[in-house]
Amino acid sequence: MSFKATLEHALTGAPLPPEMMAAAMEDLFAREVPPEQAAAFLTALRVRGETAEELLAAVRYLKSKARLISSPPGTIDTCGTGGDGADTYNISTATALVVAGAGAPVAKHGNRAVSSASGSSDVLSRLGVDLTESVETQERRLAEDGIAFLFAPNHHPAMVAVAPVRKALGFRTLFNMLGPLMNPAQAKRQLIGVYDERIRQLFAKVLIAEGAERAWVVAGADGLDELSPSGENLVTEVSDGSIRELTVHPSDAGLDVVPVAALKGGDVEANAKALRALLDGEKSGYRTAVMFNAAAGLVLGGKAADLKEGAERAAAAIDSGAAREKLYRLTRKLP
């Protein structure tokens, strides 16, 4: 089927069968589609709303083109969608360091900023992490040090093909949802923050189809794409093929409520400074947010029985210097 015929199908509002979606991905990434048709296709999906089957077909196509690495059992990722527009500190990045410091292997998938001034790769690069290291080095780092940062463009080179049309459209499309679902280490445990609570079930269905062992898909209080310490958070839990809905409050982890204003970040330099201060033990609303998310990560990673124990282990990882050591491990050159 030609891409034009696929576009006409999409414009009717009817869902695309998996094989049609996979063929559309093949055409898009082969750069054989006129940009106007590519834009119309992505817009049609956005207006109607992508289905789990379409998202899964896109994920599987891109994974087939990705540079993947192996990972230890129990590896977890804390990659979210971004795009919440809240300009907070780098919560998921700090969470990854704390979770690793508490003993769970972490393959942190990340990219440049989506809507904030500083994405995970921006702040880690500022702190000395080499974004260009080889896939082989990342695999070794994860095995030896228990943490690796997987810079998305290094693992998903095919995405370059759709960058111009995404930039021209200027609004979120299918591709904004793919990052957390394409971890190059194929982590089976994930803490995923999403920018819209309506897509939690969508993510959960894809995670199950891809063999996730345990995951939380989180729509945070006040619109954050993290567990927010400001109030009640909506969580869709995936566990061994089943889905259930939860609400999670910071008090569940024994933590105080913190207003979103206390999490407001700045530019890359300011956010890197705040992250280093957090790892040095500074008490702040940022620390509370990271402890909350790390508590969930440790539960998902099997290192804590509940959120309260997870928060205690997170605090210990920070105060003992174990989380700071994980940052050092990320920056050191392997012999």
C-alpha atoms as a PDB file:
ATOM      1  CA  MET A   1       0.000   0.000   0.000  1.00  0.00           C
ATOM      2  CA  SER A   2       1.302   3.457  -0.875  1.00  0.00           C
ATOM      3  CA  PHE A   3       1.857   6.048   1.842  1.00  0.00           C
ATOM      4  CA  LYS A   4      -0.775   8.233   0.200  1.00  0.00           C
ATOM      5  CA  ALA A   5      -3.339   5.444   0.620  1.00  0.00           C
ATOM      6  CA  THR A   6      -2.299   5.072   4.268  1.00  0.00           C
ATOM      7  CA  LEU A   7      -2.720   8.814   4.729  1.00  0.00           C
ATOM      8  CA  GLU A   8      -6.204   8.693   3.220  1.00  0.00           C
ATOM      9  CA  HIS A   9      -7.075   5.864   5.623  1.00  0.00           C
ATOM     10  CA  ALA A  10      -5.784   7.896   8.578  1.00  0.00           C
ATOM     11  CA  LEU A  11      -7.797  10.936   7.491  1.00  0.00           C
ATOM     12  CA  THR A  12     -11.027   8.946   7.774  1.00  0.00           C
ATOM     13  CA  GLY A  13     -10.395   8.661  11.505  1.00  0.00           C
ATOM     14  CA  ALA A  14     -10.183   4.867  11.385  1.00  0.00           C
ATOM     15  CA  PRO A  15      -7.381   3.138  13.357  1.00  0.00           C
ATOM     16  CA  LEU A  16      -4.462   1.782  11.357  1.00  0.00           C
ATOM     17  CA  PRO A  17      -3.892  -1.995  11.499  1.00  0.00           C
ATOM     18  CA  PRO A  18      -0.409  -2.864  12.858  1.00  0.00           C
ATOM     19  CA  GLU A  19       0.952  -3.888   9.462  1.00  0.00           C
ATOM     20  CA  MET A  20      -0.226  -0.608   7.908  1.00  0.00           C
ATOM     21  CA  MET A  21       1.362   1.395  10.730  1.00  0.00           C
ATOM     22  CA  ALA A  22       4.634  -0.507  10.379  1.00  0.00           C
ATOM     23  CA  ALA A  23       4.678   0.169   6.632  1.00  0.00           C
ATOM     24  CA  ALA A  24       4.031   3.858   7.287  1.00  0.00           C
ATOM     25  CA  MET A  25       7.008   3.953   9.678  1.00  0.00           C
ATOM     26  CA  GLU A  26       9.174   2.287   7.028  1.00  0.00           C
ATOM     27  CA  ASP A  27       8.209   4.951   4.491  1.00  0.00           C
ATOM     28  CA  LEU A  28       8.683   7.842   6.929  1.00  0.00           C
ATOM     29  CA  PHE A  29      12.129   6.738   8.058  1.00  0.00           C
ATOM     30  CA  ALA A  30      13.270   5.925   4.532  1.00  0.00           C
ATOM     31  CA  ARG A  31      12.648   9.629   3.766  1.00  0.00           C
ATOM     32  CA  GLU A  32      10.445   8.647   0.848  1.00  0.00           C
ATOM     33  CA  VAL A  33       7.441  10.684   2.000  1.00  0.00           C
ATOM     34  CA  PRO A  34       6.870  14.314   0.971  1.00  0.00           C
ATOM     35  CA  PRO A  35       7.028  16.470   4.129  1.00  0.00           C
ATOM     36  CA  GLU A  36       3.478  17.725   3.567  1.00  0.00           C
ATOM     37  CA  GLN A  37       2.133  14.152   3.598  1.00  0.00           C
ATOM     38  CA  ALA A  38       4.211  13.244   6.654  1.00  0.00           C
ATOM     39  CA  ALA A  39       2.852  16.280   8.502  1.00  0.00           C
ATOM     40  CA  ALA A  40      -0.721  15.465   7.492  1.00  0.00           C
ATOM     41  CA  PHE A  41      -0.307  11.867   8.668  1.00  0.00           C
ATOM     42  CA  LEU A  42       1.060  12.803  12.090  1.00  0.00           C
ATOM     43  CA  THR A  43      -1.607  15.470  12.481  1.00  0.00           C
ATOM     44  CA  ALA A  44      -4.399  13.028  11.613  1.00  0.00           C
ATOM     45  CA  LEU A  45      -3.168  10.613  14.282  1.00  0.00           C
ATOM     46  CA  ARG A  46      -2.867  13.406  16.836  1.00  0.00           C
ATOM     47  CA  VAL A  47      -6.375  14.756  16.194  1.00  0.00           C
ATOM     48  CA  ARG A  48      -7.996  11.320  16.386  1.00  0.00           C
ATOM     49  CA  GLY A  49      -5.727  10.074  19.161  1.00  0.00           C
ATOM     50  CA  GLU A  50      -3.188   7.308  18.671  1.00  0.00           C
ATOM     51  CA  THR A  51      -4.201   3.768  19.596  1.00  0.00           C
ATOM     52  CA  ALA A  52      -2.114   1.344  21.637  1.00  0.00           C
ATOM     53  CA  GLU A  53      -1.761  -0.860  18.555  1.00  0.00           C
ATOM     54  CA  GLU A  54      -0.382   2.039  16.491  1.00  0.00           C
ATOM     55  CA  LEU A  55       2.021   3.049  19.234  1.00  0.00           C
ATOM     56  CA  LEU A  56       3.189  -0.549  19.628  1.00  0.00           C
ATOM     57  CA  ALA A  57       3.802  -0.918  15.888  1.00  0.00           C
ATOM     58  CA  ALA A  58       5.904   2.265  15.905  1.00  0.00           C
ATOM     59  CA  VAL A  59       7.865   1.116  18.967  1.00  0.00           C
ATOM     60  CA  ARG A  60       8.628  -2.272  17.433  1.00  0.00           C
ATOM     61  CA  TYR A  61       9.706  -0.755  14.133  1.00  0.00           C
ATOM     62  CA  LEU A  62      12.095   1.677  15.817  1.00  0.00           C
ATOM     63  CA  LYS A  63      13.476  -0.978  18.147  1.00  0.00           C
ATOM     64  CA  SER A  64      14.308  -3.050  15.076  1.00  0.00           C
ATOM     65  CA  LYS A  65      16.507  -0.148  13.893  1.00  0.00           C
ATOM     66  CA  ALA A  66      17.984   0.720  17.306  1.00  0.00           C
ATOM     67  CA  ARG A  67      21.421   0.093  18.782  1.00  0.00           C
ATOM     68  CA  LEU A  68      20.482  -2.053  21.770  1.00  0.00           C
ATOM     69  CA  ILE A  69      22.564  -3.163  24.753  1.00  0.00           C
ATOM     70  CA  SER A  70      22.187  -6.008  27.236  1.00  0.00           C
ATOM     71  CA  SER A  71      21.358  -5.281  30.871  1.00  0.00           C
ATOM     72  CA  PRO A  72      21.445  -7.049  34.250  1.00  0.00           C
ATOM     73  CA  PRO A  73      18.217  -8.562  35.622  1.00  0.00           C
ATOM     74  CA  GLY A  74      16.069  -6.033  37.452  1.00  0.00           C
ATOM     75  CA  THR A  75      17.344  -3.037  35.487  1.00  0.00           C
ATOM     76  CA  ILE A  76      15.055  -0.011  35.764  1.00  0.00           C
ATOM     77  CA  ASP A  77      14.600   3.168  33.715  1.00  0.00           C
ATOM     78  CA  THR A  78      13.226   6.491  34.969  1.00  0.00           C
ATOM     79  CA  CYS A  79      12.624   8.112  31.577  1.00  0.00           C
ATOM     80  CA  GLY A  80       9.489  10.217  31.143  1.00  0.00           C
ATOM     81  CA  THR A  81       7.912  11.878  28.144  1.00  0.00           C
ATOM     82  CA  GLY A  82       8.858  15.420  29.098  1.00  0.00           C
ATOM     83  CA  GLY A  83       6.686  18.152  27.736  1.00  0.00           C
ATOM     84  CA  ASP A  84       4.835  19.083  30.928  1.00  0.00           C
ATOM     85  CA  GLY A  85       5.955  22.709  30.555  1.00  0.00           C
ATOM     86  CA  ALA A  86       6.632  23.062  34.284  1.00  0.00           C
ATOM     87  CA  ASP A  87      10.368  23.907  34.049  1.00  0.00           C
ATOM     88  CA  THR A  88      11.245  21.964  37.185  1.00  0.00           C
ATOM     89  CA  TYR A  89      14.637  20.736  38.275  1.00  0.00           C
ATOM     90  CA  ASN A  90      15.834  17.500  36.668  1.00  0.00           C
ATOM     91  CA  ILE A  91      13.854  15.123  38.848  1.00  0.00           C
ATOM     92  CA  SER A  92      14.033  11.892  36.833  1.00  0.00           C
ATOM     93  CA  THR A  93      17.796  12.334  36.328  1.00  0.00           C
ATOM     94  CA  ALA A  94      18.458  12.756  40.045  1.00  0.00           C
ATOM     95  CA  THR A  95      16.060   9.891  40.736  1.00  0.00           C
ATOM     96  CA  ALA A  96      18.134   7.594  38.522  1.00  0.00           C
ATOM     97  CA  LEU A  97      21.291   8.382  40.505  1.00  0.00           C
ATOM     98  CA  VAL A  98      19.568   7.830  43.847  1.00  0.00           C
ATOM     99  CA  VAL A  99      17.930   4.564  42.770  1.00  0.00           C
ATOM    100  CA  ALA A 100      21.284   3.299  41.510  1.00  0.00           C
ATOM    101  CA  GLY A 101      22.926   4.462  44.734  1.00  0.00           C
ATOM    102  CA  ALA A 102      20.421   2.370  46.659  1.00  0.00           C
ATOM    103  CA  GLY A 103      21.387  -0.757  44.745  1.00  0.00           C
ATOM    104  CA  ALA A 104      19.121  -1.117  41.707  1.00  0.00           C
ATOM    105  CA  PRO A 105      20.777  -1.189  38.254  1.00  0.00           C
ATOM    106  CA  VAL A 106      19.619   1.829  36.231  1.00  0.00           C
ATOM    107  CA  ALA A 107      19.694   2.333  32.455  1.00  0.00           C
ATOM    108  CA  LYS A 108      18.636   5.981  32.219  1.00  0.00           C
ATOM    109  CA  HIS A 109      17.322   6.759  28.743  1.00  0.00           C
ATOM    110  CA  GLY A 110      17.238  10.473  27.983  1.00  0.00           C
ATOM    111  CA  ASN A 111      17.515  13.291  25.515  1.00  0.00           C
ATOM    112  CA  ARG A 112      17.768  17.040  25.189  1.00  0.00           C
ATOM    113  CA  ALA A 113      15.091  19.234  26.740  1.00  0.00           C
ATOM    114  CA  VAL A 114      11.550  19.001  25.323  1.00  0.00           C
ATOM    115  CA  SER A 115       9.820  21.911  27.042  1.00  0.00           C
ATOM    116  CA  SER A 116      12.187  22.822  29.884  1.00  0.00           C
ATOM    117  CA  ALA A 117      15.466  24.705  29.806  1.00  0.00           C
ATOM    118  CA  SER A 118      17.429  21.597  30.701  1.00  0.00           C
ATOM    119  CA  GLY A 119      16.831  17.962  29.756  1.00  0.00           C
ATOM    120  CA  SER A 120      18.591  14.978  31.313  1.00  0.00           C
ATOM    121  CA  SER A 121      21.386  14.936  28.750  1.00  0.00           C
ATOM    122  CA  ASP A 122      21.896  18.701  29.041  1.00  0.00           C
ATOM    123  CA  VAL A 123      22.478  18.625  32.792  1.00  0.00           C
ATOM    124  CA  LEU A 124      24.513  15.394  32.807  1.00  0.00           C
ATOM    125  CA  SER A 125      26.734  16.719  30.036  1.00  0.00           C
ATOM    126  CA  ARG A 126      27.300  19.861  32.115  1.00  0.00           C
ATOM    127  CA  LEU A 127      28.300  17.617  35.035  1.00  0.00           C
ATOM    128  CA  GLY A 128      30.876  15.803  32.923  1.00  0.00           C
ATOM    129  CA  VAL A 129      29.062  12.823  31.425  1.00  0.00           C
ATOM    130  CA  ASP A 130      30.270  11.930  27.921  1.00  0.00           C
ATOM    131  CA  LEU A 131      27.211  11.674  25.678  1.00  0.00           C
ATOM    132  CA  THR A 132      29.222  10.293  22.768  1.00  0.00           C
ATOM    133  CA  GLU A 133      30.664   7.161  24.386  1.00  0.00           C
ATOM    134  CA  SER A 134      30.203   3.927  22.498  1.00  0.00           C
ATOM    135  CA  VAL A 135      27.357   1.493  22.944  1.00  0.00           C
ATOM    136  CA  GLU A 136      29.920  -1.092  24.094  1.00  0.00           C
ATOM    137  CA  THR A 137      31.169   1.256  26.817  1.00  0.00           C
ATOM    138  CA  GLN A 138      27.632   1.910  28.020  1.00  0.00           C
ATOM    139  CA  GLU A 139      26.948  -1.815  28.229  1.00  0.00           C
ATOM    140  CA  ARG A 140      30.112  -2.334  30.258  1.00  0.00           C
ATOM    141  CA  ARG A 141      29.339   0.649  32.485  1.00  0.00           C
ATOM    142  CA  LEU A 142      25.890  -0.711  33.279  1.00  0.00           C
ATOM    143  CA  ALA A 143      27.300  -4.149  34.121  1.00  0.00           C
ATOM    144  CA  GLU A 144      30.231  -2.868  36.214  1.00  0.00           C
ATOM    145  CA  ASP A 145      28.920   0.342  37.784  1.00  0.00           C
ATOM    146  CA  GLY A 146      25.193  -0.354  37.977  1.00  0.00           C
ATOM    147  CA  ILE A 147      24.273   2.748  36.005  1.00  0.00           C
ATOM    148  CA  ALA A 148      24.499   4.024  32.431  1.00  0.00           C
ATOM    149  CA  PHE A 149      23.102   7.048  30.638  1.00  0.00           C
ATOM    150  CA  LEU A 150      21.731   6.136  27.226  1.00  0.00           C
ATOM    151  CA  PHE A 151      21.602   9.268  25.063  1.00  0.00           C
ATOM    152  CA  ALA A 152      18.656   8.686  22.736  1.00  0.00           C
ATOM    153  CA  PRO A 153      20.192   9.979  19.453  1.00  0.00           C
ATOM    154  CA  ASN A 154      23.100   7.530  19.825  1.00  0.00           C
ATOM    155  CA  HIS A 155      20.720   4.584  20.034  1.00  0.00           C
ATOM    156  CA  HIS A 156      17.933   5.660  17.706  1.00  0.00           C
ATOM    157  CA  PRO A 157      19.650   7.217  14.667  1.00  0.00           C
ATOM    158  CA  ALA A 158      16.561   6.611  12.527  1.00  0.00           C
ATOM    159  CA  MET A 159      14.741   9.390  14.400  1.00  0.00           C
ATOM    160  CA  VAL A 160      16.845  11.969  12.565  1.00  0.00           C
ATOM    161  CA  ALA A 161      14.685  11.378   9.482  1.00  0.00           C
ATOM    162  CA  VAL A 162      11.553  12.811  11.115  1.00  0.00           C
ATOM    163  CA  ALA A 163      13.219  15.702  12.946  1.00  0.00           C
ATOM    164  CA  PRO A 164      12.419  18.351  10.287  1.00  0.00           C
ATOM    165  CA  VAL A 165       8.686  17.588  10.122  1.00  0.00           C
ATOM    166  CA  ARG A 166       8.432  17.417  13.915  1.00  0.00           C
ATOM    167  CA  LYS A 167      10.099  20.801  14.193  1.00  0.00           C
ATOM    168  CA  ALA A 168       7.880  22.278  11.484  1.00  0.00           C
ATOM    169  CA  LEU A 169       4.680  21.053  13.161  1.00  0.00           C
ATOM    170  CA  GLY A 170       5.648  22.486  16.524  1.00  0.00           C
ATOM    171  CA  PHE A 171       3.199  20.384  18.550  1.00  0.00           C
ATOM    172  CA  ARG A 172       3.377  16.992  20.223  1.00  0.00           C
ATOM    173  CA  THR A 173       2.986  13.995  17.931  1.00  0.00           C
ATOM    174  CA  LEU A 174       3.274  10.236  18.147  1.00  0.00           C
ATOM    175  CA  PHE A 175       7.040  10.570  18.434  1.00  0.00           C
ATOM    176  CA  ASN A 176       6.887  12.469  21.722  1.00  0.00           C
ATOM    177  CA  MET A 177       5.463   9.356  23.351  1.00  0.00           C
ATOM    178  CA  LEU A 178       8.043   6.890  22.087  1.00  0.00           C
ATOM    179  CA  GLY A 179      11.128   7.697  24.194  1.00  0.00           C
ATOM    180  CA  PRO A 180      10.116   5.946  27.430  1.00  0.00           C
ATOM    181  CA  LEU A 181       8.916   2.915  25.464  1.00  0.00           C
ATOM    182  CA  MET A 182      12.196   2.366  23.582  1.00  0.00           C
ATOM    183  CA  ASN A 183      14.813   1.895  26.289  1.00  0.00           C
ATOM    184  CA  PRO A 184      17.938   0.607  24.493  1.00  0.00           C
ATOM    185  CA  ALA A 185      18.774  -1.655  27.447  1.00  0.00           C
ATOM    186  CA  GLN A 186      15.286  -3.160  27.178  1.00  0.00           C
ATOM    187  CA  ALA A 187      14.659  -2.474  30.867  1.00  0.00           C
ATOM    188  CA  LYS A 188      11.672  -4.467  32.097  1.00  0.00           C
ATOM    189  CA  ARG A 189      11.034  -2.210  35.093  1.00  0.00           C
ATOM    190  CA  GLN A 190      10.142   1.419  34.531  1.00  0.00           C
ATOM    191  CA  LEU A 191       8.957   4.581  36.226  1.00  0.00           C
ATOM    192  CA  ILE A 192       7.415   6.648  33.422  1.00  0.00           C
ATOM    193  CA  GLY A 193       6.025  10.137  33.843  1.00  0.00           C
ATOM    194  CA  VAL A 194       3.593  11.329  31.163  1.00  0.00           C
ATOM    195  CA  TYR A 195       2.418  14.815  30.214  1.00  0.00           C
ATOM    196  CA  ASP A 196      -1.261  13.833  29.913  1.00  0.00           C
ATOM    197  CA  GLU A 197      -3.120  11.517  32.278  1.00  0.00           C
ATOM    198  CA  ARG A 198      -5.285  10.296  29.386  1.00  0.00           C
ATOM    199  CA  ILE A 199      -2.389   8.366  27.823  1.00  0.00           C
ATOM    200  CA  ARG A 200      -1.553   6.280  30.904  1.00  0.00           C
ATOM    201  CA  GLN A 201      -3.616   3.281  29.760  1.00  0.00           C
ATOM    202  CA  LEU A 202      -2.111   3.564  26.282  1.00  0.00           C
ATOM    203  CA  PHE A 203       1.389   3.244  27.707  1.00  0.00           C
ATOM    204  CA  ALA A 204       0.374   0.406  30.013  1.00  0.00           C
ATOM    205  CA  LYS A 205      -0.943  -1.685  27.130  1.00  0.00           C
ATOM    206  CA  VAL A 206       2.266  -1.202  25.142  1.00  0.00           C
ATOM    207  CA  LEU A 207       4.406  -2.049  28.174  1.00  0.00           C
ATOM    208  CA  ILE A 208       2.525  -5.313  28.675  1.00  0.00           C
ATOM    209  CA  ALA A 209       2.874  -6.220  25.005  1.00  0.00           C
ATOM    210  CA  GLU A 210       6.621  -5.578  25.250  1.00  0.00           C
ATOM    211  CA  GLY A 211       7.028  -7.821  28.282  1.00  0.00           C
ATOM    212  CA  ALA A 212       7.354  -5.326  31.128  1.00  0.00           C
ATOM    213  CA  GLU A 213       7.701  -6.997  34.520  1.00  0.00           C
ATOM    214  CA  ARG A 214       6.657  -4.019  36.612  1.00  0.00           C
ATOM    215  CA  ALA A 215       6.064  -0.369  35.780  1.00  0.00           C
ATOM    216  CA  TRP A 216       4.283   2.752  36.928  1.00  0.00           C
ATOM    217  CA  VAL A 217       2.915   5.225  34.400  1.00  0.00           C
ATOM    218  CA  VAL A 218       2.487   8.462  36.326  1.00  0.00           C
ATOM    219  CA  ALA A 219       0.513  11.639  35.732  1.00  0.00           C
ATOM    220  CA  GLY A 220       1.647  13.882  38.556  1.00  0.00           C
ATOM    221  CA  ALA A 221      -0.270  16.408  40.600  1.00  0.00           C
ATOM    222  CA  ASP A 222      -0.295  19.901  39.068  1.00  0.00           C
ATOM    223  CA  GLY A 223       0.430  18.442  35.628  1.00  0.00           C
ATOM    224  CA  LEU A 224       3.973  17.209  36.307  1.00  0.00           C
ATOM    225  CA  ASP A 225       5.315  14.247  34.350  1.00  0.00           C
ATOM    226  CA  GLU A 226       6.785  12.889  37.601  1.00  0.00           C
ATOM    227  CA  LEU A 227       5.429  11.843  40.963  1.00  0.00           C
ATOM    228  CA  SER A 228       4.737  15.288  42.382  1.00  0.00           C
ATOM    229  CA  PRO A 229       5.119  15.988  46.105  1.00  0.00           C
ATOM    230  CA  SER A 230       2.465  18.694  45.755  1.00  0.00           C
ATOM    231  CA  GLY A 231      -0.537  16.373  46.058  1.00  0.00           C
ATOM    232  CA  GLU A 232      -2.311  13.314  44.707  1.00  0.00           C
ATOM    233  CA  ASN A 233      -0.801  11.537  41.714  1.00  0.00           C
ATOM    234  CA  LEU A 234      -2.554   9.251  39.237  1.00  0.00           C
ATOM    235  CA  VAL A 235      -0.702   5.991  38.595  1.00  0.00           C
ATOM    236  CA  THR A 236      -1.386   3.139  36.204  1.00  0.00           C
ATOM    237  CA  GLU A 237       0.527   0.118  37.464  1.00  0.00           C
ATOM    238  CA  VAL A 238       1.673  -2.729  35.238  1.00  0.00           C
ATOM    239  CA  SER A 239       2.634  -5.925  37.028  1.00  0.00           C
ATOM    240  CA  ASP A 240       3.102  -9.332  35.412  1.00  0.00           C
ATOM    241  CA  GLY A 241       0.621  -8.668  32.625  1.00  0.00           C
ATOM    242  CA  SER A 242      -2.087  -6.962  34.671  1.00  0.00           C
ATOM    243  CA  ILE A 243      -3.102  -3.313  35.003  1.00  0.00           C
ATOM    244  CA  ARG A 244      -4.503  -1.495  38.004  1.00  0.00           C
ATOM    245  CA  GLU A 245      -5.164   2.135  38.852  1.00  0.00           C
ATOM    246  CA  LEU A 246      -3.683   3.801  41.942  1.00  0.00           C
ATOM    247  CA  THR A 247      -3.558   7.215  43.548  1.00  0.00           C
ATOM    248  CA  VAL A 248      -0.335   8.043  45.357  1.00  0.00           C
ATOM    249  CA  HIS A 249       0.284  10.905  47.803  1.00  0.00           C
ATOM    250  CA  PRO A 250       3.640  11.990  49.266  1.00  0.00           C
ATOM    251  CA  SER A 251       2.350  11.005  52.699  1.00  0.00           C
ATOM    252  CA  ASP A 252       2.315   7.389  51.439  1.00  0.00           C
ATOM    253  CA  ALA A 253       6.108   7.647  51.433  1.00  0.00           C
ATOM    254  CA  GLY A 254       6.208   9.470  54.768  1.00  0.00           C
ATOM    255  CA  LEU A 255       7.052  12.735  53.012  1.00  0.00           C
ATOM    256  CA  ASP A 256       5.740  16.262  53.440  1.00  0.00           C
ATOM    257  CA  VAL A 257       3.711  18.059  50.783  1.00  0.00           C
ATOM    258  CA  VAL A 258       5.855  20.463  48.752  1.00  0.00           C
ATOM    259  CA  PRO A 259       4.397  23.112  46.399  1.00  0.00           C
ATOM    260  CA  VAL A 260       5.390  22.923  42.751  1.00  0.00           C
ATOM    261  CA  ALA A 261       6.886  26.404  43.030  1.00  0.00           C
ATOM    262  CA  ALA A 262       9.629  24.909  45.226  1.00  0.00           C
ATOM    263  CA  LEU A 263      10.668  22.661  42.328  1.00  0.00           C
ATOM    264  CA  LYS A 264      11.130  25.455  39.799  1.00  0.00           C
ATOM    265  CA  GLY A 265      14.414  25.049  37.998  1.00  0.00           C
ATOM    266  CA  GLY A 266      16.515  27.322  35.840  1.00  0.00           C
ATOM    267  CA  ASP A 267      18.996  26.993  33.016  1.00  0.00           C
ATOM    268  CA  VAL A 268      21.435  24.122  32.586  1.00  0.00           C
ATOM    269  CA  GLU A 269      24.010  25.692  34.895  1.00  0.00           C
ATOM    270  CA  ALA A 270      21.482  26.311  37.679  1.00  0.00           C
ATOM    271  CA  ASN A 271      19.986  22.840  37.407  1.00  0.00           C
ATOM    272  CA  ALA A 272      23.390  21.165  37.433  1.00  0.00           C
ATOM    273  CA  LYS A 273      24.317  23.145  40.550  1.00  0.00           C
ATOM    274  CA  ALA A 274      21.042  22.142  42.240  1.00  0.00           C
ATOM    275  CA  LEU A 275      21.590  18.478  41.383  1.00  0.00           C
ATOM    276  CA  ARG A 276      25.083  18.518  42.814  1.00  0.00           C
ATOM    277  CA  ALA A 277      23.816  20.241  45.985  1.00  0.00           C
ATOM    278  CA  LEU A 278      21.117  17.590  46.340  1.00  0.00           C
ATOM    279  CA  LEU A 279      23.708  14.821  46.058  1.00  0.00           C
ATOM    280  CA  ASP A 280      25.779  16.631  48.693  1.00  0.00           C
ATOM    281  CA  GLY A 281      22.852  16.315  51.110  1.00  0.00           C
ATOM    282  CA  GLU A 282      21.126  19.697  50.857  1.00  0.00           C
ATOM    283  CA  LYS A 283      17.579  19.617  52.273  1.00  0.00           C
ATOM    284  CA  SER A 284      15.016  21.107  49.883  1.00  0.00           C
ATOM    285  CA  GLY A 285      11.744  20.566  48.091  1.00  0.00           C
ATOM    286  CA  TYR A 286      13.821  19.158  45.236  1.00  0.00           C
ATOM    287  CA  ARG A 287      15.184  16.494  47.585  1.00  0.00           C
ATOM    288  CA  THR A 288      11.636  15.587  48.656  1.00  0.00           C
ATOM    289  CA  ALA A 289      10.523  15.201  45.034  1.00  0.00           C
ATOM    290  CA  VAL A 290      13.518  13.014  44.219  1.00  0.00           C
ATOM    291  CA  MET A 291      13.017  10.869  47.328  1.00  0.00           C
ATOM    292  CA  PHE A 292       9.362  10.370  46.346  1.00  0.00           C
ATOM    293  CA  ASN A 293      10.234   9.236  42.833  1.00  0.00           C
ATOM    294  CA  ALA A 294      13.209   7.175  43.981  1.00  0.00           C
ATOM    295  CA  ALA A 295      10.972   5.448  46.529  1.00  0.00           C
ATOM    296  CA  ALA A 296       8.723   4.332  43.683  1.00  0.00           C
ATOM    297  CA  GLY A 297      11.718   3.279  41.603  1.00  0.00           C
ATOM    298  CA  LEU A 298      13.053   1.157  44.436  1.00  0.00           C
ATOM    299  CA  VAL A 299       9.682  -0.528  44.925  1.00  0.00           C
ATOM    300  CA  LEU A 300       9.512  -1.264  41.197  1.00  0.00           C
ATOM    301  CA  GLY A 301      13.105  -2.488  41.245  1.00  0.00           C
ATOM    302  CA  GLY A 302      12.411  -4.875  44.101  1.00  0.00           C
ATOM    303  CA  LYS A 303      14.690  -3.027  46.535  1.00  0.00           C
ATOM    304  CA  ALA A 304      11.926  -1.798  48.866  1.00  0.00           C
ATOM    305  CA  ALA A 305       8.689  -3.362  50.084  1.00  0.00           C
ATOM    306  CA  ASP A 306       6.714  -0.112  50.054  1.00  0.00           C
ATOM    307  CA  LEU A 307       7.087   3.618  49.451  1.00  0.00           C
ATOM    308  CA  LYS A 308       8.063   4.410  53.043  1.00  0.00           C
ATOM    309  CA  GLU A 309      10.917   1.938  52.972  1.00  0.00           C
ATOM    310  CA  GLY A 310      11.832   3.214  49.522  1.00  0.00           C
ATOM    311  CA  ALA A 311      12.016   6.805  50.781  1.00  0.00           C
ATOM    312  CA  GLU A 312      14.206   5.714  53.700  1.00  0.00           C
ATOM    313  CA  ARG A 313      16.550   3.880  51.354  1.00  0.00           C
ATOM    314  CA  ALA A 314      16.599   6.893  49.018  1.00  0.00           C
ATOM    315  CA  ALA A 315      17.557   9.211  51.884  1.00  0.00           C
ATOM    316  CA  ALA A 316      20.305   6.808  52.932  1.00  0.00           C
ATOM    317  CA  ALA A 317      21.663   6.674  49.368  1.00  0.00           C
ATOM    318  CA  ILE A 318      21.894  10.472  49.309  1.00  0.00           C
ATOM    319  CA  ASP A 319      23.251  11.015  52.812  1.00  0.00           C
ATOM    320  CA  SER A 320      25.841   8.233  52.599  1.00  0.00           C
ATOM    321  CA  GLY A 321      27.253   9.623  49.358  1.00  0.00           C
ATOM    322  CA  ALA A 322      26.251   6.507  47.398  1.00  0.00           C
ATOM    323  CA  ALA A 323      24.154   8.510  44.916  1.00  0.00           C
ATOM    324  CA  ARG A 324      26.982  11.014  44.452  1.00  0.00           C
ATOM    325  CA  GLU A 325      29.320   8.105  43.779  1.00  0.00           C
ATOM    326  CA  LYS A 326      27.040   6.988  40.937  1.00  0.00           C
ATOM    327  CA  LEU A 327      27.466  10.383  39.290  1.00  0.00           C
ATOM    328  CA  TYR A 328      31.227   9.982  39.595  1.00  0.00           C
ATOM    329  CA  ARG A 329      30.933   6.532  38.028  1.00  0.00           C
ATOM    330  CA  LEU A 330      29.043   8.026  35.092  1.00  0.00           C
ATOM    331  CA  THR A 331      31.760  10.612  34.488  1.00  0.00           C
ATOM    332  CA  ARG A 332      34.881   8.471  34.914  1.00  0.00           C
ATOM    333  CA  LYS A 333      36.667   7.071  31.892  1.00  0.00           C
ATOM    334  CA  LEU A 334      36.627   3.295  31.868  1.00  0.00           C
ATOM    335  CA  PRO A 335      40.101   1.727  31.500  1.00  0.00           C
END
